[in-house]
C-alpha cells in the first residue's frame, strides 16, 4: 500500500522530523498539533479556550488538506499538562464535533513541545 504525505500551509509546518499527516489507504494519521499560529509559527498564549480552538483549527486544516474534515475523525488523543483544563476541552470539542463522537483519550503529561498547554492528534477514516 502506498503512503501519501499530507501538507498544507493552513496549519503549522512541522517543527521536527515528521509530516503533518500521512494517508495510508483510507486511513489518515494526523500528527499532534499544538496551538501554533500557522502564519507566524508562534505559540498562541493566554486564554486556554482560544488555545484549544487553535488546535482544532490546525487539525481541521490538515484534515481538509487530506480530503476530509473533523467529521471523519475516528480517534482523537488529547494531551494536557493540567487535566483541570479537561472541561474546557469538552466544551470546545462540542462545537467542532457532532454525535456520534470519535473515540478519545485524554492523557495527563509532564510537558509539551514549546511549553504548550494542549496538544492533540487524530486518526481519520475517509471513504473510498
Protein backbone atom coordinates (compact mmCIF):
# COMPACT_ATOMS: atom_id res chain seq x y z
CA UNK A 1 0.00 0.00 0.00
CA UNK A 2 1.33 3.44 -0.86
CA UNK A 3 1.60 6.26 1.60
CA UNK A 4 0.67 9.84 0.76
CA UNK A 5 2.22 12.69 2.72
CA UNK A 6 -0.26 15.45 3.54
CA UNK A 7 0.96 19.04 3.81
CA UNK A 8 -0.80 22.40 3.98
CA UNK A 9 0.26 25.97 4.66
CA UNK A 10 -3.05 26.48 6.53
CA UNK A 11 -1.59 24.60 9.52
CA UNK A 12 1.75 24.98 11.29
CA UNK A 13 4.70 23.46 9.49
CA UNK A 14 6.37 20.50 11.18
CA UNK A 15 8.81 21.57 13.91
CA UNK A 16 10.61 18.23 13.82
CA UNK A 17 11.15 15.11 11.76
CA UNK A 18 7.51 14.32 10.97
CA UNK A 19 4.78 15.03 8.43
CA UNK A 20 1.59 16.96 9.19
CA UNK A 21 -0.31 13.80 8.24
CA UNK A 22 0.15 10.54 6.37
CA UNK A 23 -2.55 8.78 4.39
CA UNK A 24 -2.36 5.01 4.04
CA UNK A 25 -5.30 3.60 2.12
CA UNK A 26 -8.43 5.25 3.55
CA UNK A 27 -6.83 6.00 6.91
CA UNK A 28 -5.16 9.32 7.65
CA UNK A 29 -2.90 9.78 10.67
CA UNK A 30 -2.80 13.42 11.75
CA UNK A 31 0.30 14.41 13.71
CA UNK A 32 0.00 16.21 17.01
CA UNK A 33 -0.96 19.87 16.84
CA UNK A 34 -0.22 22.46 19.47
CA UNK A 35 -1.66 26.00 19.43
CA UNK A 36 0.83 27.37 16.92
CA UNK A 37 -0.34 30.17 14.67
CA UNK A 38 0.43 28.92 11.11
CA UNK A 39 1.44 32.30 9.69
CA UNK A 40 3.94 33.18 12.41
CA UNK A 41 4.74 29.75 13.90
CA UNK A 42 4.37 31.45 17.30
CA UNK A 43 2.60 29.76 20.18
CA UNK A 44 -0.81 31.25 20.97
CA UNK A 45 -0.67 32.07 24.65
CA UNK A 46 -3.16 33.19 27.24
CA UNK A 47 -6.78 32.07 27.16
CA UNK A 48 -7.00 28.27 27.30
CA UNK A 49 -10.24 28.18 25.30
CA UNK A 50 -8.56 30.10 22.46
CA UNK A 51 -5.59 27.71 22.56
CA UNK A 52 -7.89 24.69 22.27
CA UNK A 53 -9.74 26.31 19.35
CA UNK A 54 -6.39 26.95 17.62
CA UNK A 55 -5.50 23.27 17.95
CA UNK A 56 -8.86 22.18 16.50
CA UNK A 57 -8.47 24.72 13.68
CA UNK A 58 -4.99 23.35 12.92
CA UNK A 59 -6.28 19.76 12.91
CA UNK A 60 -9.19 20.82 10.71
CA UNK A 61 -6.84 22.42 8.15
CA UNK A 62 -4.77 19.23 7.93
CA UNK A 63 -7.92 17.08 7.69
CA UNK A 64 -9.18 19.22 4.81
CA UNK A 65 -5.82 19.00 3.04
CA UNK A 66 -6.20 15.22 3.21
CA UNK A 67 -9.66 15.39 1.62
CA UNK A 68 -11.72 15.08 4.79
CA UNK A 69 -12.93 17.02 7.78
CA UNK A 70 -13.12 16.67 11.53
CA UNK A 71 -16.37 14.74 10.95
CA UNK A 72 -14.18 11.92 9.57
CA UNK A 73 -12.08 11.63 12.76
CA UNK A 74 -12.50 8.22 14.40
CA UNK A 75 -9.93 8.65 17.19
CA UNK A 76 -8.74 11.77 18.98
CA UNK A 77 -5.96 11.94 21.55
CA UNK A 78 -5.74 14.95 23.87
CA UNK A 79 -2.58 15.68 25.85
CA UNK A 80 -2.72 18.14 28.75
CA UNK A 81 -0.10 19.10 31.34
CA UNK A 82 -3.05 20.23 33.53
CA UNK A 83 -6.05 17.88 33.45
CA UNK A 84 -8.00 20.67 35.12
CA UNK A 85 -8.47 22.03 31.57
CA UNK A 86 -10.35 18.89 30.51
CA UNK A 87 -13.78 20.51 30.98
CA UNK A 88 -12.78 23.31 28.59
CA UNK A 89 -11.66 20.71 26.02
CA UNK A 90 -15.10 19.05 26.28
CA UNK A 91 -16.96 22.35 25.85
CA UNK A 92 -14.94 23.45 22.82
CA UNK A 93 -14.94 19.96 21.29
CA UNK A 94 -18.76 20.00 21.31
CA UNK A 95 -18.58 22.98 18.92
CA UNK A 96 -16.28 21.15 16.47
CA UNK A 97 -17.82 17.64 16.59
CA UNK A 98 -21.36 16.28 16.49
CA UNK A 99 -22.56 12.86 17.66
CA UNK A 100 -21.53 10.21 17.17
CA UNK A 101 -18.28 11.50 18.66
CA UNK A 102 -14.93 9.89 17.85
CA UNK A 103 -13.21 7.60 20.31
CA UNK A 104 -10.96 9.69 22.52
CA UNK A 105 -8.22 9.54 25.13
CA UNK A 106 -7.17 12.34 27.46
CA UNK A 107 -3.66 11.96 28.80
CA UNK A 108 -2.00 13.99 31.53
CA UNK A 109 1.61 14.73 30.57
CA UNK A 110 4.55 16.42 32.29
CA UNK A 111 5.26 18.81 29.41
CA UNK A 112 4.56 19.51 25.74
CA UNK A 113 6.69 20.98 22.92
CA UNK A 114 7.39 24.71 23.20
CA UNK A 115 5.69 24.76 26.62
CA UNK A 116 2.23 24.33 25.05
CA UNK A 117 -0.72 23.67 27.35
CA UNK A 118 -2.56 21.37 24.93
CA UNK A 119 -1.72 19.00 22.07
CA UNK A 120 -4.00 16.77 20.03
CA UNK A 121 -3.51 14.17 17.33
CA UNK A 122 -6.11 12.19 15.43
CA UNK A 123 -6.87 9.28 13.14
CA UNK A 124 -9.29 9.91 10.31
CA UNK A 125 -11.09 7.37 8.10
CA UNK A 126 -12.05 8.51 4.60
CA UNK A 127 -14.48 6.90 2.16
CA UNK A 128 -13.31 5.11 -0.97
